[in-house]
């Protein structure tokens, strides 16, 4: 199993291009199951999760072809089975997105309970509540969820929590349902808008994506399209923190600044200079950082997927800060790893109190989940000596070529066999 080694690096400088969003491309790939014609998805990030989703789609009967320049062609004239394979679904939580499209096209789906990062319970009950409202009979036994319906009929569905996954899965199922479906208290993330734009290009009738009320008028069939995935706002935020923590000057390209407003605002509070352009950001830092408090919230609040990176930044800021996690109940697993590096953090319920220190120390640490892995890299950039990061398969699930991108900015980072 390889590990990533990070050595203390000077201020990072240069420019870096952000890849297509992992959290946008996975539901879009699943949604391609709804189309009876070819779909070409552009700017697909080269990630393990994308490869797993490709394998899931192939197992269901899709032809999935990697094209040049990072595009993916998906063609599913016929879905050959309603049962998704256990060994793939349990690898990645996002593979559960195939349930909505399978129910829409076949009125039948059998899906193993999903896997993924261990950052909280993240149950699929809201997905199932939505499917039931559309007329699906749900049975759960022996680790499988089975859904069957004579037909899907539109309904008004209120989500108890604005779950991104549930909003997307219900929206996909409703595209081919009879009548009108309204999702209330829907999640508002940019990835949902991107999925709705993709579905509308296929011929769906979806209005209100990006607001808390989405209206889907069912259609009889969906065709094909070409669609470019939005940039990854979490990768964007990670490189913004890399500039801030190292006292660097980085121009980050292929960005939608509007998607990361709370991150821009918080970094400015820290004393970081950020220049916004149409599709880029220039982030400049002296390395002298002020401690600020952060509370994660559903979009458009501060993203939970950037909470650990921001906490890493606060470990070397001047003063003390409080990080409140309101989205996932188990998202402080990186704290014990940061404390190995000398960070002063204490957990109080759903909050972490961070006392800024002058310097971190390199150590052997473990990536407990995807974003925690990125945080340890960021901490390693400013820690004295070497930081060895193990369990890096988590990092590879969400960041394209993170070592080469950081190396191009002047970081001392490399991968070696353990």
Protein backbone atom coordinates (compact mmCIF):
# COMPACT_ATOMS: atom_id res chain seq x y z
CA UNK A 1 0.00 0.00 0.00
CA UNK A 2 1.59 3.32 -1.02
CA UNK A 3 1.81 6.33 1.28
CA UNK A 4 2.12 10.05 0.62
CA UNK A 5 5.10 11.86 2.12
CA UNK A 6 4.90 15.63 2.60
CA UNK A 7 7.84 17.80 3.60
CA UNK A 8 7.68 21.37 4.85
CA UNK A 9 7.29 23.56 1.77
CA UNK A 10 7.75 27.27 1.21
CA UNK A 11 4.93 29.52 0.03
CA UNK A 12 3.08 27.81 -2.83
CA UNK A 13 3.04 29.87 -6.00
CA UNK A 14 1.69 29.51 -9.53
CA UNK A 15 -1.58 28.43 -11.08
CA UNK A 16 -3.65 25.25 -10.86
CA UNK A 17 -6.70 24.07 -12.81
CA UNK A 18 -9.64 22.61 -10.91
CA UNK A 19 -11.11 19.32 -12.18
CA UNK A 20 -14.76 18.53 -12.79
CA UNK A 21 -16.75 18.02 -9.58
CA UNK A 22 -16.78 14.49 -8.17
CA UNK A 23 -20.06 15.16 -6.38
CA UNK A 24 -21.65 16.38 -9.63
CA UNK A 25 -20.36 13.76 -12.05
CA UNK A 26 -21.43 10.66 -10.06
CA UNK A 27 -25.19 11.42 -10.02
CA UNK A 28 -24.95 12.63 -13.64
CA UNK A 29 -23.40 9.29 -14.64
CA UNK A 30 -26.24 7.48 -12.84
CA UNK A 31 -28.77 9.75 -14.58
CA UNK A 32 -27.39 8.65 -17.96
CA UNK A 33 -29.23 5.35 -17.26
CA UNK A 34 -32.45 7.28 -17.92
CA UNK A 35 -31.40 8.15 -21.48
CA UNK A 36 -32.13 5.88 -24.40
CA UNK A 37 -29.53 7.64 -26.56
CA UNK A 38 -25.82 8.39 -26.14
CA UNK A 39 -24.69 10.84 -23.45
CA UNK A 40 -21.28 12.48 -23.54
CA UNK A 41 -20.10 13.95 -20.23
CA UNK A 42 -17.15 16.34 -20.43
CA UNK A 43 -14.49 17.26 -17.84
CA UNK A 44 -14.94 13.98 -15.97
CA UNK A 45 -12.34 13.75 -13.17
CA UNK A 46 -10.05 10.71 -13.34
CA UNK A 47 -10.94 9.27 -9.94
CA UNK A 48 -11.48 5.85 -8.39
CA UNK A 49 -15.10 6.72 -7.59
CA UNK A 50 -15.72 7.46 -11.28
CA UNK A 51 -14.23 4.08 -12.19
CA UNK A 52 -16.49 2.34 -9.65
CA UNK A 53 -19.58 4.11 -11.02
CA UNK A 54 -18.52 3.14 -14.57
CA UNK A 55 -18.31 -0.50 -13.46
CA UNK A 56 -21.77 -0.26 -11.81
CA UNK A 57 -23.28 1.11 -15.03
CA UNK A 58 -21.61 -1.58 -17.16
CA UNK A 59 -22.98 -4.27 -14.83
CA UNK A 60 -26.49 -2.92 -15.53
CA UNK A 61 -26.04 -2.96 -19.31
CA UNK A 62 -24.53 0.44 -20.17
CA UNK A 63 -21.73 0.87 -22.68
CA UNK A 64 -19.24 3.19 -20.95
CA UNK A 65 -16.36 4.50 -23.06
CA UNK A 66 -13.54 6.83 -22.02
CA UNK A 67 -12.97 9.37 -24.77
CA UNK A 68 -9.99 11.68 -25.24
CA UNK A 69 -9.75 14.94 -23.28
CA UNK A 70 -11.44 13.59 -20.14
CA UNK A 71 -14.88 12.88 -21.62
CA UNK A 72 -17.05 9.84 -20.99
CA UNK A 73 -19.63 8.34 -23.35
CA UNK A 74 -22.50 6.40 -21.77
CA UNK A 75 -25.04 4.53 -23.90
CA UNK A 76 -27.85 2.48 -22.37
CA UNK A 77 -30.38 1.53 -25.04
CA UNK A 78 -31.52 -1.27 -22.73
CA UNK A 79 -31.04 -1.92 -19.01
CA UNK A 80 -30.30 -5.62 -18.69
CA UNK A 81 -30.84 -6.13 -14.96
CA UNK A 82 -32.51 -4.31 -12.08
CA UNK A 83 -30.03 -5.71 -9.53
CA UNK A 84 -26.82 -3.80 -8.82
CA UNK A 85 -23.74 -5.83 -7.78
CA UNK A 86 -22.97 -6.05 -4.07
CA UNK A 87 -19.18 -5.81 -4.41
CA UNK A 88 -19.42 -2.45 -6.23
CA UNK A 89 -22.27 -0.75 -4.36
CA UNK A 90 -20.68 -1.43 -0.98
CA UNK A 91 -17.46 0.28 -2.14
CA UNK A 92 -19.04 3.67 -2.67
CA UNK A 93 -22.08 5.36 -1.26
CA UNK A 94 -22.80 7.35 -4.43
CA UNK A 95 -23.54 4.13 -6.34
CA UNK A 96 -26.94 4.16 -4.60
CA UNK A 97 -27.85 6.88 -7.14
CA UNK A 98 -28.70 4.16 -9.66
CA UNK A 99 -31.86 3.26 -7.73
CA UNK A 100 -33.86 6.29 -8.92
CA UNK A 101 -33.08 5.74 -12.63
CA UNK A 102 -33.73 1.96 -12.36
CA UNK A 103 -37.14 2.58 -10.79
CA UNK A 104 -37.94 5.17 -13.46
CA UNK A 105 -37.06 2.93 -16.40
CA UNK A 106 -37.81 -0.59 -15.11
CA UNK A 107 -40.23 0.07 -12.19
CA UNK A 108 -37.97 -2.31 -10.31
CA UNK A 109 -34.61 -2.10 -8.49
CA UNK A 110 -32.64 -4.24 -6.06
CA UNK A 111 -29.71 -2.46 -4.45
CA UNK A 112 -27.38 -3.54 -1.61
CA UNK A 113 -27.12 -1.10 1.29
CA UNK A 114 -24.35 1.31 0.20
CA UNK A 115 -20.82 1.85 1.56
CA UNK A 116 -18.43 4.86 1.45
CA UNK A 117 -16.63 7.10 3.95
CA UNK A 118 -17.44 6.48 7.62
CA UNK A 119 -18.33 10.08 8.47
CA UNK A 120 -21.72 9.44 10.00
CA UNK A 121 -24.86 7.37 9.63
CA UNK A 122 -26.05 9.05 6.40
CA UNK A 123 -29.06 6.73 6.13
CA UNK A 124 -30.97 6.38 2.88
CA UNK A 125 -34.36 6.70 4.56
CA UNK A 126 -35.13 10.04 2.87
CA UNK A 127 -34.45 8.48 -0.56
CA UNK A 128 -36.86 5.65 0.29
CA UNK A 129 -39.50 8.02 1.66
CA UNK A 130 -39.44 9.83 -1.69
CA UNK A 131 -39.67 6.62 -3.72
CA UNK A 132 -42.64 5.45 -1.60
CA UNK A 133 -44.40 8.76 -2.28
CA UNK A 134 -44.04 8.06 -6.02
CA UNK A 135 -45.81 4.70 -5.58
CA UNK A 136 -42.87 2.36 -5.03
CA UNK A 137 -43.25 -0.55 -2.63
CA UNK A 138 -40.02 -0.89 -0.61
CA UNK A 139 -38.72 -4.04 1.10
CA UNK A 140 -35.44 -4.28 3.04
CA UNK A 141 -34.04 -7.71 3.88
CA UNK A 142 -30.71 -9.55 3.90
CA UNK A 143 -28.78 -6.30 3.32
CA UNK A 144 -30.70 -5.40 0.14
CA UNK A 145 -33.25 -2.71 -0.62
CA UNK A 146 -35.82 -3.77 -3.21
CA UNK A 147 -38.26 -1.39 -4.85
CA UNK A 148 -41.17 -2.30 -7.15
CA UNK A 149 -44.02 -0.33 -8.69
CA UNK A 150 -46.68 -0.85 -11.34
CA UNK A 151 -46.07 2.76 -12.30
CA UNK A 152 -44.51 5.88 -10.80
CA UNK A 153 -46.95 8.73 -10.12
CA UNK A 154 -45.95 12.28 -9.20
CA UNK A 155 -46.54 13.55 -5.67
CA UNK A 156 -45.51 16.30 -3.25
CA UNK A 157 -42.57 15.17 -1.12
CA UNK A 158 -41.30 17.08 1.91
CA UNK A 159 -37.74 16.21 2.96
CA UNK A 160 -37.19 16.28 6.73
CA UNK A 161 -33.60 17.38 6.03
CA UNK A 162 -32.34 18.97 2.78
CA UNK A 163 -30.37 15.87 1.79
CA UNK A 164 -28.38 16.27 -1.43
CA UNK A 165 -28.48 12.57 -2.30
CA UNK A 166 -32.20 12.20 -1.61
CA UNK A 167 -33.02 15.33 -3.64
CA UNK A 168 -31.04 13.98 -6.60
CA UNK A 169 -32.32 10.40 -6.44
CA UNK A 170 -35.98 11.46 -6.14
CA UNK A 171 -35.53 14.00 -8.94
CA UNK A 172 -34.16 11.28 -11.25
CA UNK A 173 -36.98 8.85 -10.40
CA UNK A 174 -39.60 11.56 -10.99
CA UNK A 175 -38.41 12.51 -14.50
CA UNK A 176 -40.34 9.60 -16.07
CA UNK A 177 -43.20 9.48 -13.52
CA UNK A 178 -46.76 10.35 -14.49
CA UNK A 179 -47.81 13.88 -13.55
CA UNK A 180 -46.04 16.44 -11.37
CA UNK A 181 -43.64 15.84 -8.48
CA UNK A 182 -42.75 18.65 -6.10
CA UNK A 183 -39.78 18.26 -3.73
CA UNK A 184 -40.06 20.64 -0.76
CA UNK A 185 -37.15 21.49 1.55
CA UNK A 186 -34.91 20.30 -1.29
CA UNK A 187 -31.14 20.69 -1.06
CA UNK A 188 -29.83 23.71 -2.98
CA UNK A 189 -26.25 22.66 -3.80
CA UNK A 190 -24.75 23.59 -7.22
CA UNK A 191 -24.37 19.88 -7.97
CA UNK A 192 -28.18 19.54 -7.92
CA UNK A 193 -28.53 22.39 -10.40
CA UNK A 194 -25.92 20.69 -12.61
CA UNK A 195 -27.85 17.40 -12.52
CA UNK A 196 -31.12 19.20 -13.36
CA UNK A 197 -29.43 20.98 -16.29
CA UNK A 198 -28.19 17.60 -17.58
CA UNK A 199 -31.63 16.00 -17.23
CA UNK A 200 -33.34 18.95 -18.92
CA UNK A 201 -30.94 18.60 -21.86
CA UNK A 202 -32.11 14.97 -22.13
CA UNK A 203 -35.69 16.25 -22.40
CA UNK A 204 -36.79 16.30 -18.74
CA UNK A 205 -38.98 19.10 -17.38
CA UNK A 206 -37.42 20.30 -14.11
CA UNK A 207 -37.86 23.77 -12.63
CA UNK A 208 -36.55 25.31 -9.40
CA UNK A 209 -33.30 23.34 -8.98
CA UNK A 210 -31.00 25.41 -6.77
CA UNK A 211 -33.96 26.57 -4.64
CA UNK A 212 -35.73 24.73 -1.81
CA UNK A 213 -38.68 23.75 -4.04
CA UNK A 214 -38.15 21.68 -7.19
CA UNK A 215 -40.97 20.90 -9.62
CA UNK A 216 -40.59 17.91 -11.97
CA UNK A 217 -43.20 17.31 -14.66
CA UNK A 218 -42.84 13.74 -15.89
CA UNK A 219 -42.09 12.99 -19.55
CA UNK A 220 -42.42 9.75 -21.54
CA UNK A 221 -38.79 9.27 -22.57
CA UNK A 222 -35.37 10.90 -22.45
CA UNK A 223 -32.88 11.20 -25.32
CA UNK A 224 -29.14 11.93 -25.31
CA UNK A 225 -26.96 15.01 -24.85
CA UNK A 226 -23.48 16.45 -24.34
CA UNK A 227 -22.81 18.10 -20.98
CA UNK A 228 -19.82 19.66 -19.21
CA UNK A 229 -19.59 19.02 -15.47
CA UNK A 230 -19.21 22.02 -13.15
CA UNK A 231 -15.82 22.59 -11.45
CA UNK A 232 -15.23 20.93 -8.08
CA UNK A 233 -15.88 23.55 -5.39
CA UNK A 234 -14.36 21.33 -2.67
CA UNK A 235 -11.11 20.90 -4.61
CA UNK A 236 -11.20 24.67 -5.17
CA UNK A 237 -11.54 25.31 -1.43
CA UNK A 238 -8.72 22.85 -0.66
CA UNK A 239 -6.26 24.75 -2.90
CA UNK A 240 -7.45 28.05 -1.43
CA UNK A 241 -6.51 26.74 2.02
CA UNK A 242 -3.17 25.50 0.61
CA UNK A 243 -2.37 29.08 -0.47
CA UNK A 244 -3.52 30.48 2.88
CA UNK A 245 -1.66 28.04 5.13
CA UNK A 246 1.68 28.30 3.28
CA UNK A 247 1.61 32.08 2.84
CA UNK A 248 1.36 31.50 -0.90
CA UNK A 249 0.07 33.20 -4.04
CA UNK A 250 -1.99 30.83 -6.19
CA UNK A 251 -4.24 31.51 -9.16
CA UNK A 252 -6.95 28.84 -9.19
CA UNK A 253 -8.51 28.33 -12.64
CA UNK A 254 -11.79 26.75 -13.76
CA UNK A 255 -13.74 28.02 -10.76
CA UNK A 256 -17.28 29.32 -10.17
CA UNK A 257 -16.61 31.88 -7.37
CA UNK A 258 -20.33 32.02 -6.57
CA UNK A 259 -20.25 28.35 -5.50
CA UNK A 260 -17.77 29.00 -2.67
CA UNK A 261 -18.88 32.35 -1.25
CA UNK A 262 -18.73 31.25 2.42
CA UNK A 263 -15.17 29.96 1.96
CA UNK A 264 -14.07 33.22 0.35
CA UNK A 265 -15.71 35.18 3.18
CA UNK A 266 -14.07 33.10 5.94
CA UNK A 267 -10.61 33.24 4.39
CA UNK A 268 -10.91 37.00 4.07
CA UNK A 269 -11.80 37.12 7.77
CA UNK A 270 -8.56 35.22 8.39
CA UNK A 271 -6.61 37.97 6.63
CA UNK A 272 -6.20 36.27 3.24
CA UNK A 273 -6.42 38.41 0.09
CA UNK A 274 -8.73 36.95 -2.57
CA UNK A 275 -9.27 38.41 -6.02
CA UNK A 276 -12.35 37.13 -7.84
CA UNK A 277 -12.41 36.82 -11.63
CA UNK A 278 -15.06 35.38 -13.96
CA UNK A 279 -13.77 31.81 -13.78
CA UNK A 280 -10.71 32.07 -11.54
CA UNK A 281 -9.53 33.17 -8.10
CA UNK A 282 -6.19 34.58 -6.99
CA UNK A 283 -5.48 33.73 -3.36
CA UNK A 284 -2.62 35.54 -1.59
CA UNK A 285 -1.56 35.08 2.01
CA UNK A 286 1.25 36.34 4.23
CA UNK A 287 0.93 33.22 6.36
CA UNK A 288 -0.14 35.37 9.32
CA UNK A 289 -3.66 34.11 9.95
CA UNK A 290 -6.36 35.27 12.35
CA UNK A 291 -8.46 32.61 14.07
CA UNK A 292 -12.14 32.60 13.03
CA UNK A 293 -15.14 30.47 13.99
CA UNK A 294 -16.87 28.24 11.43
CA UNK A 295 -20.24 26.49 11.45
CA UNK A 296 -21.03 23.97 8.70
CA UNK A 297 -24.48 24.21 7.14
CA UNK A 298 -26.28 22.91 4.06
CA UNK A 299 -25.62 25.04 0.97
CA UNK A 300 -25.31 28.04 0.73
CA UNK A 301 -23.69 27.74 4.17
CA UNK A 302 -20.10 26.70 4.87
CA UNK A 303 -19.60 23.23 3.33
CA UNK A 304 -19.05 20.27 5.64
CA UNK A 305 -16.65 18.89 3.01
CA UNK A 306 -14.26 21.78 3.77
CA UNK A 307 -14.60 21.69 7.55
CA UNK A 308 -11.53 19.53 8.21
CA UNK A 309 -9.31 21.53 5.80
CA UNK A 310 -10.36 24.75 7.53
CA UNK A 311 -9.68 23.21 10.93
CA UNK A 312 -6.19 22.34 9.69
CA UNK A 313 -5.74 26.00 8.81
CA UNK A 314 -6.93 27.10 12.26
CA UNK A 315 -4.30 24.93 13.99
CA UNK A 316 -1.64 27.48 12.95
CA UNK A 317 -3.78 30.66 13.15
CA UNK A 318 -3.30 33.33 15.82
CA UNK A 319 -5.84 32.84 18.61
CA UNK A 320 -8.51 30.26 19.28
CA UNK A 321 -11.40 29.24 17.06
CA UNK A 322 -14.49 27.07 17.32
CA UNK A 323 -15.52 24.73 14.51
CA UNK A 324 -19.18 23.62 14.75
CA UNK A 325 -20.20 20.57 12.70
CA UNK A 326 -23.98 20.47 12.17
CA UNK A 327 -24.25 18.22 9.09
CA UNK A 328 -22.48 14.93 9.96
CA UNK A 329 -22.18 13.57 13.48
CA UNK A 330 -18.89 11.72 13.01
CA UNK A 331 -16.78 14.22 11.15
CA UNK A 332 -14.02 14.93 13.67
CA UNK A 333 -12.01 11.76 13.06
CA UNK A 334 -9.14 13.88 11.67
CA UNK A 335 -8.71 15.59 15.07
CA UNK A 336 -6.70 12.71 16.59
CA UNK A 337 -4.40 12.73 13.53
CA UNK A 338 -3.82 16.49 13.71
CA UNK A 339 -3.03 16.20 17.42
CA UNK A 340 -0.30 13.69 16.52
CA UNK A 341 1.24 16.62 14.65
CA UNK A 342 1.07 18.80 17.75
CA UNK A 343 -2.23 20.56 17.11
CA UNK A 344 -4.17 21.72 20.18
CA UNK A 345 -7.79 20.70 19.62
CA UNK A 346 -10.44 19.60 22.07
CA UNK A 347 -13.83 18.24 21.09
CA UNK A 348 -16.96 19.38 22.92
CA UNK A 349 -19.96 17.56 21.46
CA UNK A 350 -20.49 18.79 17.90
CA UNK A 351 -17.83 21.48 18.29
CA UNK A 352 -14.04 21.50 18.21
CA UNK A 353 -12.08 24.23 20.00
CA UNK A 354 -8.79 24.91 18.23
CA UNK A 355 -5.93 26.78 19.93
CA UNK A 356 -3.57 28.08 17.27
CA UNK A 357 0.12 27.18 17.71
CA UNK A 358 3.33 28.46 16.11
CA UNK A 359 4.20 25.25 14.28
CA UNK A 360 3.12 21.68 13.62
CA UNK A 361 5.48 18.69 13.70
CA UNK A 362 5.69 16.05 10.99
CA UNK A 363 4.37 12.62 12.04
CA UNK A 364 3.01 9.32 10.80
CA UNK A 365 -0.73 9.82 10.32
CA UNK A 366 -3.67 8.08 8.67
CA UNK A 367 -6.33 9.42 6.31
CA UNK A 368 -9.54 8.44 8.10
CA UNK A 369 -11.71 9.68 5.22
CA UNK A 370 -11.41 11.60 1.95
CA UNK A 371 -11.37 15.19 3.26
CA UNK A 372 -9.34 14.28 6.35
CA UNK A 373 -6.65 13.00 3.97
CA UNK A 374 -6.49 16.35 2.19
CA UNK A 375 -6.27 18.11 5.56
CA UNK A 376 -3.24 16.07 6.57
CA UNK A 377 -1.51 17.01 3.32
CA UNK A 378 -2.20 20.70 4.02
CA UNK A 379 -0.87 20.36 7.57
CA UNK A 380 2.19 18.52 6.26
CA UNK A 381 3.04 21.47 3.99
CA UNK A 382 3.78 23.64 7.06
CA UNK A 383 4.88 21.00 9.59
CA UNK A 384 8.54 20.69 10.59
CA UNK A 385 10.15 17.57 9.10
CA UNK A 386 8.30 14.84 7.22
CA UNK A 387 4.65 13.85 7.41
CA UNK A 388 3.79 10.30 6.28
CA UNK A 389 0.14 9.79 5.34
CA UNK A 390 -1.24 6.26 5.21
CA UNK A 391 -4.59 4.88 3.93
CA UNK A 392 -4.31 7.28 0.98
CA UNK A 393 -6.89 5.37 -1.07
CA UNK A 394 -9.37 7.77 0.55
CA UNK A 395 -7.54 10.74 -1.02
CA UNK A 396 -7.52 9.09 -4.45
CA UNK A 397 -11.31 8.85 -4.27
CA UNK A 398 -11.70 12.63 -4.46
CA UNK A 399 -8.61 14.46 -5.72
CA UNK A 400 -7.18 14.24 -9.24
CA UNK A 401 -3.36 14.12 -9.32
CA UNK A 402 -3.06 15.96 -6.01
CA UNK A 403 0.70 15.39 -5.75
CA UNK A 404 1.53 16.64 -9.25
CA UNK A 405 -0.78 19.66 -8.88
CA UNK A 406 0.83 20.62 -5.57
CA UNK A 407 4.35 19.90 -6.88
CA UNK A 408 3.70 22.30 -9.78
CA UNK A 409 3.05 24.98 -7.13
CA UNK A 410 6.33 24.25 -5.33
CA UNK A 411 5.20 21.70 -2.73
CA UNK A 412 7.52 18.92 -1.61
CA UNK A 413 5.22 15.94 -1.82
CA UNK A 414 5.63 12.46 -3.25
CA UNK A 415 4.24 8.95 -3.12
CA UNK A 416 6.23 5.90 -2.13
CA UNK A 417 5.59 2.27 -1.25
CA UNK A 418 5.13 1.65 2.45
